[in-house]
PDB file of all heavy atoms in Angstrom:
ATOM      1  N   ALA A   1      -6.411  10.475  -6.865  1.00  0.00           N
ATOM      2  CA  ALA A   1      -5.679  10.052  -5.664  1.00  0.00           C
ATOM      3  C   ALA A   1      -6.652   9.460  -4.650  1.00  0.00           C
ATOM      4  O   ALA A   1      -7.832   9.835  -4.598  1.00  0.00           O
ATOM      5  CB  ALA A   1      -4.941  11.243  -5.050  1.00  0.00           C
ATOM      6  N   TYR A   2      -6.142   8.550  -3.843  1.00  0.00           N
ATOM      7  CA  TYR A   2      -6.970   7.969  -2.789  1.00  0.00           C
ATOM      8  C   TYR A   2      -7.279   9.021  -1.725  1.00  0.00           C
ATOM      9  O   TYR A   2      -6.389   9.764  -1.318  1.00  0.00           O
ATOM     10  CB  TYR A   2      -6.249   6.808  -2.106  1.00  0.00           C
ATOM     11  CG  TYR A   2      -6.158   5.558  -2.952  1.00  0.00           C
ATOM     12  CD1 TYR A   2      -4.927   5.037  -3.317  1.00  0.00           C
ATOM     13  CD2 TYR A   2      -7.308   4.885  -3.360  1.00  0.00           C
ATOM     14  CE1 TYR A   2      -4.840   3.883  -4.075  1.00  0.00           C
ATOM     15  CE2 TYR A   2      -7.227   3.737  -4.128  1.00  0.00           C
ATOM     16  CZ  TYR A   2      -5.987   3.240  -4.483  1.00  0.00           C
ATOM     17  OH  TYR A   2      -5.909   2.096  -5.238  1.00  0.00           O
ATOM     18  N   PRO A   3      -8.510   9.053  -1.223  1.00  0.00           N
ATOM     19  CA  PRO A   3      -8.793   9.911  -0.062  1.00  0.00           C
ATOM     20  C   PRO A   3      -7.962   9.410   1.126  1.00  0.00           C
ATOM     21  O   PRO A   3      -7.664   8.224   1.232  1.00  0.00           O
ATOM     22  CB  PRO A   3     -10.292   9.697   0.191  1.00  0.00           C
ATOM     23  CG  PRO A   3     -10.833   9.045  -1.039  1.00  0.00           C
ATOM     24  CD  PRO A   3      -9.688   8.346  -1.701  1.00  0.00           C
ATOM     25  N   GLY A   4      -7.614  10.315   2.022  1.00  0.00           N
ATOM     26  CA  GLY A   4      -6.769   9.971   3.158  1.00  0.00           C
ATOM     27  C   GLY A   4      -7.290   8.821   3.990  1.00  0.00           C
ATOM     28  O   GLY A   4      -6.531   7.938   4.398  1.00  0.00           O
ATOM     29  N   PHE A   5      -8.603   8.793   4.252  1.00  0.00           N
ATOM     30  CA  PHE A   5      -9.161   7.722   5.078  1.00  0.00           C
ATOM     31  C   PHE A   5      -9.015   6.358   4.399  1.00  0.00           C
ATOM     32  O   PHE A   5      -8.754   5.349   5.051  1.00  0.00           O
ATOM     33  CB  PHE A   5     -10.634   7.990   5.435  1.00  0.00           C
ATOM     34  CG  PHE A   5     -11.600   7.768   4.300  1.00  0.00           C
ATOM     35  CD1 PHE A   5     -12.185   6.525   4.095  1.00  0.00           C
ATOM     36  CD2 PHE A   5     -11.918   8.811   3.437  1.00  0.00           C
ATOM     37  CE1 PHE A   5     -13.072   6.324   3.045  1.00  0.00           C
ATOM     38  CE2 PHE A   5     -12.801   8.616   2.393  1.00  0.00           C
ATOM     39  CZ  PHE A   5     -13.383   7.367   2.192  1.00  0.00           C
ATOM     40  N   LEU A   6      -9.141   6.324   3.064  1.00  0.00           N
ATOM     41  CA  LEU A   6      -9.016   5.060   2.348  1.00  0.00           C
ATOM     42  C   LEU A   6      -7.559   4.604   2.312  1.00  0.00           C
ATOM     43  O   LEU A   6      -7.267   3.419   2.498  1.00  0.00           O
ATOM     44  CB  LEU A   6      -9.579   5.176   0.934  1.00  0.00           C
ATOM     45  CG  LEU A   6      -9.535   3.900   0.101  1.00  0.00           C
ATOM     46  CD1 LEU A   6     -10.276   2.753   0.805  1.00  0.00           C
ATOM     47  CD2 LEU A   6     -10.120   4.153  -1.274  1.00  0.00           C
ATOM     48  N   LEU A   7      -6.651   5.532   2.087  1.00  0.00           N
ATOM     49  CA  LEU A   7      -5.228   5.194   2.104  1.00  0.00           C
ATOM     50  C   LEU A   7      -4.859   4.580   3.452  1.00  0.00           C
ATOM     51  O   LEU A   7      -4.129   3.595   3.522  1.00  0.00           O
ATOM     52  CB  LEU A   7      -4.394   6.442   1.808  1.00  0.00           C
ATOM     53  CG  LEU A   7      -2.969   6.230   1.358  1.00  0.00           C
ATOM     54  CD1 LEU A   7      -2.888   5.419   0.084  1.00  0.00           C
ATOM     55  CD2 LEU A   7      -2.295   7.571   1.147  1.00  0.00           C
ATOM     56  N   ARG A   8      -5.390   5.154   4.536  1.00  0.00           N
ATOM     57  CA  ARG A   8      -5.152   4.629   5.879  1.00  0.00           C
ATOM     58  C   ARG A   8      -5.654   3.192   6.000  1.00  0.00           C
ATOM     59  O   ARG A   8      -4.969   2.308   6.507  1.00  0.00           O
ATOM     60  CB  ARG A   8      -5.837   5.525   6.923  1.00  0.00           C
ATOM     61  CG  ARG A   8      -5.887   4.956   8.324  1.00  0.00           C
ATOM     62  CD  ARG A   8      -4.472   4.785   8.810  1.00  0.00           C
ATOM     63  NE  ARG A   8      -4.382   3.808   9.869  1.00  0.00           N
ATOM     64  CZ  ARG A   8      -3.628   3.970  10.936  1.00  0.00           C
ATOM     65  NH1 ARG A   8      -2.936   5.070  11.101  1.00  0.00           N
ATOM     66  NH2 ARG A   8      -3.545   3.033  11.826  1.00  0.00           N
ATOM     67  N   GLN A   9      -6.866   2.941   5.529  1.00  0.00           N
ATOM     68  CA  GLN A   9      -7.433   1.602   5.639  1.00  0.00           C
ATOM     69  C   GLN A   9      -6.704   0.602   4.747  1.00  0.00           C
ATOM     70  O   GLN A   9      -6.514  -0.550   5.131  1.00  0.00           O
ATOM     71  CB  GLN A   9      -8.927   1.635   5.334  1.00  0.00           C
ATOM     72  CG  GLN A   9      -9.686   2.356   6.433  1.00  0.00           C
ATOM     73  CD  GLN A   9     -11.157   2.511   6.134  1.00  0.00           C
ATOM     74  OE1 GLN A   9     -11.566   2.656   4.989  1.00  0.00           O
ATOM     75  NE2 GLN A   9     -11.963   2.489   7.184  1.00  0.00           N
ATOM     76  N   LEU A  10      -6.274   1.038   3.582  1.00  0.00           N
ATOM     77  CA  LEU A  10      -5.487   0.164   2.713  1.00  0.00           C
ATOM     78  C   LEU A  10      -4.169  -0.213   3.388  1.00  0.00           C
ATOM     79  O   LEU A  10      -3.731  -1.364   3.309  1.00  0.00           O
ATOM     80  CB  LEU A  10      -5.232   0.843   1.363  1.00  0.00           C
ATOM     81  CG  LEU A  10      -6.469   1.001   0.479  1.00  0.00           C
ATOM     82  CD1 LEU A  10      -6.154   1.890  -0.718  1.00  0.00           C
ATOM     83  CD2 LEU A  10      -7.012  -0.349   0.031  1.00  0.00           C
ATOM     84  N   PHE A  11      -3.547   0.748   4.056  1.00  0.00           N
ATOM     85  CA  PHE A  11      -2.333   0.460   4.811  1.00  0.00           C
ATOM     86  C   PHE A  11      -2.617  -0.585   5.891  1.00  0.00           C
ATOM     87  O   PHE A  11      -1.880  -1.559   6.051  1.00  0.00           O
ATOM     88  CB  PHE A  11      -1.767   1.735   5.442  1.00  0.00           C
ATOM     89  CG  PHE A  11      -0.672   1.467   6.434  1.00  0.00           C
ATOM     90  CD1 PHE A  11       0.620   1.223   6.011  1.00  0.00           C
ATOM     91  CD2 PHE A  11      -0.946   1.436   7.796  1.00  0.00           C
ATOM     92  CE1 PHE A  11       1.629   0.949   6.917  1.00  0.00           C
ATOM     93  CE2 PHE A  11       0.041   1.171   8.712  1.00  0.00           C
ATOM     94  CZ  PHE A  11       1.335   0.916   8.277  1.00  0.00           C
ATOM     95  N   ASP A  12      -3.689  -0.382   6.642  1.00  0.00           N
ATOM     96  CA  ASP A  12      -4.030  -1.318   7.722  1.00  0.00           C
ATOM     97  C   ASP A  12      -4.285  -2.732   7.196  1.00  0.00           C
ATOM     98  O   ASP A  12      -3.921  -3.713   7.844  1.00  0.00           O
ATOM     99  CB  ASP A  12      -5.265  -0.839   8.487  1.00  0.00           C
ATOM    100  CG  ASP A  12      -4.983   0.371   9.369  1.00  0.00           C
ATOM    101  OD1 ASP A  12      -3.799   0.639   9.679  1.00  0.00           O
ATOM    102  OD2 ASP A  12      -5.958   1.047   9.752  1.00  0.00           O
ATOM    103  N   MET A  13      -4.884  -2.836   6.029  1.00  0.00           N
ATOM    104  CA  MET A  13      -5.239  -4.149   5.493  1.00  0.00           C
ATOM    105  C   MET A  13      -4.095  -4.836   4.757  1.00  0.00           C
ATOM    106  O   MET A  13      -3.995  -6.059   4.775  1.00  0.00           O
ATOM    107  CB  MET A  13      -6.432  -4.021   4.547  1.00  0.00           C
ATOM    108  CG  MET A  13      -7.724  -3.660   5.260  1.00  0.00           C
ATOM    109  SD  MET A  13      -9.110  -3.526   4.129  1.00  0.00           S
ATOM    110  CE  MET A  13      -9.234  -5.202   3.534  1.00  0.00           C
ATOM    111  N   TYR A  14      -3.249  -4.064   4.083  1.00  0.00           N
ATOM    112  CA  TYR A  14      -2.269  -4.661   3.166  1.00  0.00           C
ATOM    113  C   TYR A  14      -0.840  -4.228   3.452  1.00  0.00           C
ATOM    114  O   TYR A  14       0.000  -4.166   2.553  1.00  0.00           O
ATOM    115  CB  TYR A  14      -2.647  -4.329   1.720  1.00  0.00           C
ATOM    116  CG  TYR A  14      -4.061  -4.723   1.394  1.00  0.00           C
ATOM    117  CD1 TYR A  14      -5.017  -3.768   1.098  1.00  0.00           C
ATOM    118  CD2 TYR A  14      -4.447  -6.057   1.415  1.00  0.00           C
ATOM    119  CE1 TYR A  14      -6.322  -4.131   0.808  1.00  0.00           C
ATOM    120  CE2 TYR A  14      -5.751  -6.428   1.132  1.00  0.00           C
ATOM    121  CZ  TYR A  14      -6.682  -5.460   0.828  1.00  0.00           C
ATOM    122  OH  TYR A  14      -7.973  -5.832   0.555  1.00  0.00           O
ATOM    123  N   GLU A  15      -0.541  -3.968   4.697  1.00  0.00           N
ATOM    124  CA  GLU A  15       0.759  -3.434   5.092  1.00  0.00           C
ATOM    125  C   GLU A  15       1.935  -4.236   4.528  1.00  0.00           C
ATOM    126  O   GLU A  15       2.928  -3.662   4.084  1.00  0.00           O
ATOM    127  CB  GLU A  15       0.827  -3.384   6.613  1.00  0.00           C
ATOM    128  CG  GLU A  15       2.128  -2.882   7.174  1.00  0.00           C
ATOM    129  CD  GLU A  15       2.126  -2.875   8.692  1.00  0.00           C
ATOM    130  OE1 GLU A  15       1.111  -3.247   9.317  1.00  0.00           O
ATOM    131  OE2 GLU A  15       3.153  -2.491   9.247  1.00  0.00           O
ATOM    132  N   GLU A  16       1.828  -5.560   4.533  1.00  0.00           N
ATOM    133  CA  GLU A  16       2.958  -6.380   4.092  1.00  0.00           C
ATOM    134  C   GLU A  16       3.224  -6.275   2.595  1.00  0.00           C
ATOM    135  O   GLU A  16       4.291  -6.651   2.127  1.00  0.00           O
ATOM    136  CB  GLU A  16       2.764  -7.841   4.502  1.00  0.00           C
ATOM    137  CG  GLU A  16       1.652  -8.558   3.766  1.00  0.00           C
ATOM    138  CD  GLU A  16       0.263  -8.341   4.360  1.00  0.00           C
ATOM    139  OE1 GLU A  16       0.098  -7.539   5.299  1.00  0.00           O
ATOM    140  OE2 GLU A  16      -0.685  -8.969   3.861  1.00  0.00           O
ATOM    141  N   HIS A  17       2.252  -5.741   1.846  1.00  0.00           N
ATOM    142  CA  HIS A  17       2.420  -5.554   0.399  1.00  0.00           C
ATOM    143  C   HIS A  17       2.344  -4.080   0.012  1.00  0.00           C
ATOM    144  O   HIS A  17       1.947  -3.744  -1.098  1.00  0.00           O
ATOM    145  CB  HIS A  17       1.376  -6.372  -0.365  1.00  0.00           C
ATOM    146  CG  HIS A  17       1.520  -7.842  -0.155  1.00  0.00           C
ATOM    147  ND1 HIS A  17       0.460  -8.649   0.169  1.00  0.00           N
ATOM    148  CD2 HIS A  17       2.604  -8.655  -0.189  1.00  0.00           C
ATOM    149  CE1 HIS A  17       0.889  -9.883   0.311  1.00  0.00           C
ATOM    150  NE2 HIS A  17       2.183  -9.914   0.092  1.00  0.00           N
ATOM    151  N   PHE A  18       2.723  -3.211   0.934  1.00  0.00           N
ATOM    152  CA  PHE A  18       2.752  -1.764   0.703  1.00  0.00           C
ATOM    153  C   PHE A  18       4.215  -1.351   0.852  1.00  0.00           C
ATOM    154  O   PHE A  18       4.738  -1.262   1.953  1.00  0.00           O
ATOM    155  CB  PHE A  18       1.878  -1.058   1.739  1.00  0.00           C
ATOM    156  CG  PHE A  18       1.318   0.273   1.318  1.00  0.00           C
ATOM    157  CD1 PHE A  18       0.129   0.729   1.864  1.00  0.00           C
ATOM    158  CD2 PHE A  18       1.969   1.096   0.400  1.00  0.00           C
ATOM    159  CE1 PHE A  18      -0.412   1.958   1.506  1.00  0.00           C
ATOM    160  CE2 PHE A  18       1.439   2.324   0.031  1.00  0.00           C
ATOM    161  CZ  PHE A  18       0.243   2.751   0.588  1.00  0.00           C
ATOM    162  N   LEU A  19       4.870  -1.135  -0.266  1.00  0.00           N
ATOM    163  CA  LEU A  19       6.307  -0.852  -0.280  1.00  0.00           C
ATOM    164  C   LEU A  19       6.560   0.573  -0.733  1.00  0.00           C
ATOM    165  O   LEU A  19       5.831   1.102  -1.579  1.00  0.00           O
ATOM    166  CB  LEU A  19       7.025  -1.828  -1.219  1.00  0.00           C
ATOM    167  CG  LEU A  19       6.712  -3.309  -1.004  1.00  0.00           C
ATOM    168  CD1 LEU A  19       7.428  -4.158  -2.044  1.00  0.00           C
ATOM    169  CD2 LEU A  19       7.069  -3.741   0.397  1.00  0.00           C
ATOM    170  N   VAL A  20       7.600   1.173  -0.184  1.00  0.00           N
ATOM    171  CA  VAL A  20       7.919   2.563  -0.509  1.00  0.00           C
ATOM    172  C   VAL A  20       9.386   2.711  -0.879  1.00  0.00           C
ATOM    173  O   VAL A  20      10.229   1.887  -0.507  1.00  0.00           O
ATOM    174  CB  VAL A  20       7.594   3.519   0.667  1.00  0.00           C
ATOM    175  CG1 VAL A  20       6.113   3.485   0.990  1.00  0.00           C
ATOM    176  CG2 VAL A  20       8.427   3.200   1.891  1.00  0.00           C
ATOM    177  N   LEU A  21       9.664   3.801  -1.597  1.00  0.00           N
ATOM    178  CA  LEU A  21      11.030   4.245  -1.882  1.00  0.00           C
ATOM    179  C   LEU A  21      11.291   5.465  -1.006  1.00  0.00           C
ATOM    180  O   LEU A  21      10.659   6.501  -1.189  1.00  0.00           O
ATOM    181  CB  LEU A  21      11.196   4.626  -3.359  1.00  0.00           C
ATOM    182  CG  LEU A  21      11.110   3.487  -4.352  1.00  0.00           C
ATOM    183  CD1 LEU A  21      11.064   4.044  -5.774  1.00  0.00           C
ATOM    184  CD2 LEU A  21      12.278   2.538  -4.184  1.00  0.00           C
ATOM    185  N   ASP A  22      12.204   5.328  -0.075  1.00  0.00           N
ATOM    186  CA  ASP A  22      12.508   6.365   0.916  1.00  0.00           C
ATOM    187  C   ASP A  22      13.855   6.986   0.549  1.00  0.00           C
ATOM    188  O   ASP A  22      14.852   6.281   0.416  1.00  0.00           O
ATOM    189  CB  ASP A  22      12.570   5.703   2.292  1.00  0.00           C
ATOM    190  CG  ASP A  22      12.788   6.672   3.431  1.00  0.00           C
ATOM    191  OD1 ASP A  22      13.205   7.818   3.200  1.00  0.00           O
ATOM    192  OD2 ASP A  22      12.567   6.256   4.586  1.00  0.00           O
ATOM    193  N   ASP A  23      13.887   8.325   0.421  1.00  0.00           N
ATOM    194  CA  ASP A  23      15.147   8.987   0.058  1.00  0.00           C
ATOM    195  C   ASP A  23      15.970   9.402   1.278  1.00  0.00           C
ATOM    196  O   ASP A  23      17.032  10.000   1.142  1.00  0.00           O
ATOM    197  CB  ASP A  23      14.916  10.172  -0.878  1.00  0.00           C
ATOM    198  CG  ASP A  23      14.283  11.376  -0.208  1.00  0.00           C
ATOM    199  OD1 ASP A  23      14.052  11.355   1.021  1.00  0.00           O
ATOM    200  OD2 ASP A  23      14.015  12.354  -0.929  1.00  0.00           O
ATOM    201  N   GLY A  24      15.462   9.111   2.486  1.00  0.00           N
ATOM    202  CA  GLY A  24      16.209   9.402   3.704  1.00  0.00           C
ATOM    203  C   GLY A  24      16.048  10.819   4.217  1.00  0.00           C
ATOM    204  O   GLY A  24      16.570  11.150   5.278  1.00  0.00           O
ATOM    205  N   THR A  25      15.305  11.662   3.504  1.00  0.00           N
ATOM    206  CA  THR A  25      15.107  13.048   3.932  1.00  0.00           C
ATOM    207  C   THR A  25      13.708  13.276   4.488  1.00  0.00           C
ATOM    208  O   THR A  25      13.344  14.413   4.779  1.00  0.00           O
ATOM    209  CB  THR A  25      15.318  14.035   2.762  1.00  0.00           C
ATOM    210  OG1 THR A  25      14.234  13.887   1.833  1.00  0.00           O
ATOM    211  CG2 THR A  25      16.657  13.815   2.073  1.00  0.00           C
ATOM    212  N   GLY A  26      12.933  12.204   4.581  1.00  0.00           N
ATOM    213  CA  GLY A  26      11.547  12.342   5.018  1.00  0.00           C
ATOM    214  C   GLY A  26      10.575  12.374   3.856  1.00  0.00           C
ATOM    215  O   GLY A  26       9.366  12.454   4.061  1.00  0.00           O
ATOM    216  N   ARG A  27      11.097  12.324   2.630  1.00  0.00           N
ATOM    217  CA  ARG A  27      10.227  12.323   1.450  1.00  0.00           C
ATOM    218  C   ARG A  27      10.267  10.956   0.791  1.00  0.00           C
ATOM    219  O   ARG A  27      11.330  10.372   0.626  1.00  0.00           O
ATOM    220  CB  ARG A  27      10.655  13.390   0.452  1.00  0.00           C
ATOM    221  CG  ARG A  27      10.363  14.797   0.965  1.00  0.00           C
ATOM    222  CD  ARG A  27      10.718  15.879  -0.024  1.00  0.00           C
ATOM    223  NE  ARG A  27       9.973  15.837  -1.252  1.00  0.00           N
ATOM    224  CZ  ARG A  27       8.772  16.403  -1.452  1.00  0.00           C
ATOM    225  NH1 ARG A  27       8.160  17.011  -0.463  1.00  0.00           N
ATOM    226  NH2 ARG A  27       8.194  16.360  -2.629  1.00  0.00           N
ATOM    227  N   LEU A  28       9.082  10.470   0.437  1.00  0.00           N
ATOM    228  CA  LEU A  28       8.987   9.220  -0.306  1.00  0.00           C
ATOM    229  C   LEU A  28       8.986   9.544  -1.787  1.00  0.00           C
ATOM    230  O   LEU A  28       8.409  10.538  -2.215  1.00  0.00           O
ATOM    231  CB  LEU A  28       7.714   8.464   0.089  1.00  0.00           C
ATOM    232  CG  LEU A  28       7.624   8.059   1.555  1.00  0.00           C
ATOM    233  CD1 LEU A  28       6.293   7.365   1.836  1.00  0.00           C
ATOM    234  CD2 LEU A  28       8.794   7.186   1.967  1.00  0.00           C
ATOM    235  N   ARG A  29       9.653   8.717  -2.560  1.00  0.00           N
ATOM    236  CA  ARG A  29       9.783   8.942  -4.007  1.00  0.00           C
ATOM    237  C   ARG A  29       8.975   7.974  -4.841  1.00  0.00           C
ATOM    238  O   ARG A  29       8.960   8.071  -6.060  1.00  0.00           O
ATOM    239  CB  ARG A  29      11.259   8.871  -4.404  1.00  0.00           C
ATOM    240  CG  ARG A  29      12.130   9.884  -3.710  1.00  0.00           C
ATOM    241  CD  ARG A  29      11.644  11.282  -3.984  1.00  0.00           C
ATOM    242  NE  ARG A  29      12.529  12.244  -3.354  1.00  0.00           N
ATOM    243  CZ  ARG A  29      12.635  13.494  -3.741  1.00  0.00           C
ATOM    244  NH1 ARG A  29      11.888  13.949  -4.716  1.00  0.00           N
ATOM    245  NH2 ARG A  29      13.444  14.317  -3.115  1.00  0.00           N
ATOM    246  N   GLY A  30       8.307   7.024  -4.178  1.00  0.00           N
ATOM    247  CA  GLY A  30       7.475   6.083  -4.907  1.00  0.00           C
ATOM    248  C   GLY A  30       6.867   5.070  -3.963  1.00  0.00           C
ATOM    249  O   GLY A  30       7.275   4.956  -2.809  1.00  0.00           O
ATOM    250  N   TYR A  31       5.858   4.363  -4.484  1.00  0.00           N
ATOM    251  CA  TYR A  31       5.267   3.268  -3.721  1.00  0.00           C
ATOM    252  C   TYR A  31       4.590   2.287  -4.668  1.00  0.00           C
ATOM    253  O   TYR A  31       4.304   2.597  -5.819  1.00  0.00           O
ATOM    254  CB  TYR A  31       4.282   3.764  -2.657  1.00  0.00           C
ATOM    255  CG  TYR A  31       2.894   4.131  -3.143  1.00  0.00           C
ATOM    256  CD1 TYR A  31       1.932   3.148  -3.411  1.00  0.00           C
ATOM    257  CD2 TYR A  31       2.524   5.458  -3.305  1.00  0.00           C
ATOM    258  CE1 TYR A  31       0.657   3.493  -3.840  1.00  0.00           C
ATOM    259  CE2 TYR A  31       1.249   5.807  -3.723  1.00  0.00           C
ATOM    260  CZ  TYR A  31       0.326   4.801  -3.994  1.00  0.00           C
ATOM    261  OH  TYR A  31      -0.937   5.136  -4.418  1.00  0.00           O
ATOM    262  N   VAL A  32       4.368   1.094  -4.136  1.00  0.00           N
ATOM    263  CA  VAL A  32       3.527   0.096  -4.785  1.00  0.00           C
ATOM    264  C   VAL A  32       2.653  -0.511  -3.699  1.00  0.00           C
ATOM    265  O   VAL A  32       3.102  -0.698  -2.562  1.00  0.00           O
ATOM    266  CB  VAL A  32       4.346  -0.988  -5.534  1.00  0.00           C
ATOM    267  CG1 VAL A  32       5.184  -1.829  -4.589  1.00  0.00           C
ATOM    268  CG2 VAL A  32       3.443  -1.870  -6.399  1.00  0.00           C
ATOM    269  N   LEU A  33       1.413  -0.781  -4.053  1.00  0.00           N
ATOM    270  CA  LEU A  33       0.462  -1.359  -3.119  1.00  0.00           C
ATOM    271  C   LEU A  33      -0.264  -2.503  -3.809  1.00  0.00           C
ATOM    272  O   LEU A  33      -0.842  -2.311  -4.882  1.00  0.00           O
ATOM    273  CB  LEU A  33      -0.564  -0.307  -2.671  1.00  0.00           C
ATOM    274  CG  LEU A  33      -1.778  -0.810  -1.890  1.00  0.00           C
ATOM    275  CD1 LEU A  33      -1.376  -1.483  -0.589  1.00  0.00           C
ATOM    276  CD2 LEU A  33      -2.745   0.343  -1.634  1.00  0.00           C
ATOM    277  N   ALA A  34      -0.222  -3.684  -3.190  1.00  0.00           N
ATOM    278  CA  ALA A  34      -0.948  -4.846  -3.698  1.00  0.00           C
ATOM    279  C   ALA A  34      -1.949  -5.291  -2.654  1.00  0.00           C
ATOM    280  O   ALA A  34      -1.642  -5.346  -1.461  1.00  0.00           O
ATOM    281  CB  ALA A  34       0.018  -5.980  -4.024  1.00  0.00           C
ATOM    282  N   ALA A  35      -3.154  -5.606  -3.108  1.00  0.00           N
ATOM    283  CA  ALA A  35      -4.214  -6.094  -2.229  1.00  0.00           C
ATOM    284  C   ALA A  35      -4.471  -7.557  -2.561  1.00  0.00           C
ATOM    285  O   ALA A  35      -4.500  -7.934  -3.735  1.00  0.00           O
ATOM    286  CB  ALA A  35      -5.487  -5.282  -2.434  1.00  0.00           C
ATOM    287  N   THR A  36      -4.653  -8.362  -1.541  1.00  0.00           N
ATOM    288  CA  THR A  36      -4.934  -9.778  -1.740  1.00  0.00           C
ATOM    289  C   THR A  36      -6.297 -10.109  -1.149  1.00  0.00           C
ATOM    290  O   THR A  36      -6.748  -9.470  -0.212  1.00  0.00           O
ATOM    291  CB  THR A  36      -3.855 -10.659  -1.077  1.00  0.00           C
ATOM    292  OG1 THR A  36      -3.761 -10.292   0.296  1.00  0.00           O
ATOM    293  CG2 THR A  36      -2.507 -10.459  -1.742  1.00  0.00           C
ATOM    294  N   ARG A  37      -6.925 -11.121  -1.710  1.00  0.00           N
ATOM    295  CA  ARG A  37      -8.212 -11.574  -1.206  1.00  0.00           C
ATOM    296  C   ARG A  37      -7.992 -12.476  -0.006  1.00  0.00           C
ATOM    297  O   ARG A  37      -7.031 -13.240   0.041  1.00  0.00           O
ATOM    298  CB  ARG A  37      -8.964 -12.345  -2.279  1.00  0.00           C
ATOM    299  CG  ARG A  37      -9.360 -11.466  -3.433  1.00  0.00           C
ATOM    300  CD  ARG A  37     -10.178 -12.236  -4.426  1.00  0.00           C
ATOM    301  NE  ARG A  37     -10.524 -11.334  -5.522  1.00  0.00           N
ATOM    302  CZ  ARG A  37     -11.229 -11.683  -6.553  1.00  0.00           C
ATOM    303  NH1 ARG A  37     -11.687 -12.909  -6.653  1.00  0.00           N
ATOM    304  NH2 ARG A  37     -11.500 -10.827  -7.497  1.00  0.00           N
ATOM    305  N   ALA A  38      -8.890 -12.388   0.947  1.00  0.00           N
ATOM    306  CA  ALA A  38      -8.791 -13.240   2.139  1.00  0.00           C
ATOM    307  C   ALA A  38      -8.903 -14.712   1.758  1.00  0.00           C
ATOM    308  O   ALA A  38      -8.206 -15.558   2.309  1.00  0.00           O
ATOM    309  CB  ALA A  38      -9.860 -12.862   3.151  1.00  0.00           C
ATOM    310  N   LEU A  39      -9.771 -15.013   0.827  1.00  0.00           N
ATOM    311  CA  LEU A  39      -9.929 -16.381   0.329  1.00  0.00           C
ATOM    312  C   LEU A  39      -9.548 -16.390  -1.135  1.00  0.00           C
ATOM    313  O   LEU A  39      -9.998 -15.562  -1.907  1.00  0.00           O
ATOM    314  CB  LEU A  39     -11.380 -16.846   0.489  1.00  0.00           C
ATOM    315  CG  LEU A  39     -11.919 -16.837   1.920  1.00  0.00           C
ATOM    316  CD1 LEU A  39     -13.403 -17.155   1.931  1.00  0.00           C
ATOM    317  CD2 LEU A  39     -11.143 -17.807   2.788  1.00  0.00           C
ATOM    318  N   GLY A  40      -8.714 -17.305  -1.499  1.00  0.00           N
ATOM    319  CA  GLY A  40      -8.292 -17.390  -2.886  1.00  0.00           C
ATOM    320  C   GLY A  40      -6.857 -16.954  -3.048  1.00  0.00           C
ATOM    321  O   GLY A  40      -6.189 -16.558  -2.090  1.00  0.00           O
ATOM    322  N   ALA A  41      -6.397 -17.038  -4.259  1.00  0.00           N
ATOM    323  CA  ALA A  41      -4.995 -16.754  -4.542  1.00  0.00           C
ATOM    324  C   ALA A  41      -4.855 -15.643  -5.579  1.00  0.00           C
ATOM    325  O   ALA A  41      -4.017 -15.719  -6.464  1.00  0.00           O
ATOM    326  CB  ALA A  41      -4.297 -18.034  -5.010  1.00  0.00           C
ATOM    327  N   ASP A  42      -5.717 -14.623  -5.464  1.00  0.00           N
ATOM    328  CA  ASP A  42      -5.697 -13.499  -6.399  1.00  0.00           C
ATOM    329  C   ASP A  42      -5.220 -12.234  -5.701  1.00  0.00           C
ATOM    330  O   ASP A  42      -5.398 -12.072  -4.498  1.00  0.00           O
ATOM    331  CB  ASP A  42      -7.095 -13.213  -6.949  1.00  0.00           C
ATOM    332  CG  ASP A  42      -7.577 -14.271  -7.907  1.00  0.00           C
ATOM    333  OD1 ASP A  42      -6.881 -15.278  -8.094  1.00  0.00           O
ATOM    334  OD2 ASP A  42      -8.669 -14.091  -8.472  1.00  0.00           O
ATOM    335  N   SER A  43      -4.654 -11.339  -6.489  1.00  0.00           N
ATOM    336  CA  SER A  43      -4.202 -10.054  -5.977  1.00  0.00           C
ATOM    337  C   SER A  43      -4.418  -8.993  -7.048  1.00  0.00           C
ATOM    338  O   SER A  43      -4.439  -9.295  -8.239  1.00  0.00           O
ATOM    339  CB  SER A  43      -2.714 -10.137  -5.615  1.00  0.00           C
ATOM    340  OG  SER A  43      -2.247  -8.894  -5.146  1.00  0.00           O
ATOM    341  N   TRP A  44      -4.564  -7.758  -6.576  1.00  0.00           N
ATOM    342  CA  TRP A  44      -4.644  -6.601  -7.465  1.00  0.00           C
ATOM    343  C   TRP A  44      -3.560  -5.616  -7.063  1.00  0.00           C
ATOM    344  O   TRP A  44      -3.389  -5.342  -5.866  1.00  0.00           O
ATOM    345  CB  TRP A  44      -6.002  -5.898  -7.339  1.00  0.00           C
ATOM    346  CG  TRP A  44      -7.090  -6.553  -8.126  1.00  0.00           C
ATOM    347  CD1 TRP A  44      -7.843  -7.611  -7.739  1.00  0.00           C
ATOM    348  CD2 TRP A  44      -7.541  -6.174  -9.422  1.00  0.00           C
ATOM    349  NE1 TRP A  44      -8.751  -7.921  -8.716  1.00  0.00           N
ATOM    350  CE2 TRP A  44      -8.585  -7.059  -9.764  1.00  0.00           C
ATOM    351  CE3 TRP A  44      -7.164  -5.183 -10.324  1.00  0.00           C
ATOM    352  CZ2 TRP A  44      -9.259  -6.977 -10.978  1.00  0.00           C
ATOM    353  CZ3 TRP A  44      -7.844  -5.106 -11.524  1.00  0.00           C
ATOM    354  CH2 TRP A  44      -8.875  -5.987 -11.843  1.00  0.00           C
ATOM    355  N   ILE A  45      -2.867  -5.060  -8.021  1.00  0.00           N
ATOM    356  CA  ILE A  45      -1.971  -3.935  -7.770  1.00  0.00           C
ATOM    357  C   ILE A  45      -2.875  -2.703  -7.739  1.00  0.00           C
ATOM    358  O   ILE A  45      -3.483  -2.350  -8.744  1.00  0.00           O
ATOM    359  CB  ILE A  45      -0.889  -3.796  -8.864  1.00  0.00           C
ATOM    360  CG1 ILE A  45      -0.048  -5.075  -8.981  1.00  0.00           C
ATOM    361  CG2 ILE A  45      -0.029  -2.556  -8.608  1.00  0.00           C
ATOM    362  CD1 ILE A  45       0.757  -5.434  -7.763  1.00  0.00           C
TER     363      ILE A  45
END
């Protein structure tokens, strides 16, 4: 698992490609995170 500080920084950098499944009770049931390069047209899940 990602350390908390890294998860925070990944959120800050890639928020628009950080998607979650919310069950409405305060619990998330899934997520996907994609990172893109500042220069170029590549991405990593």
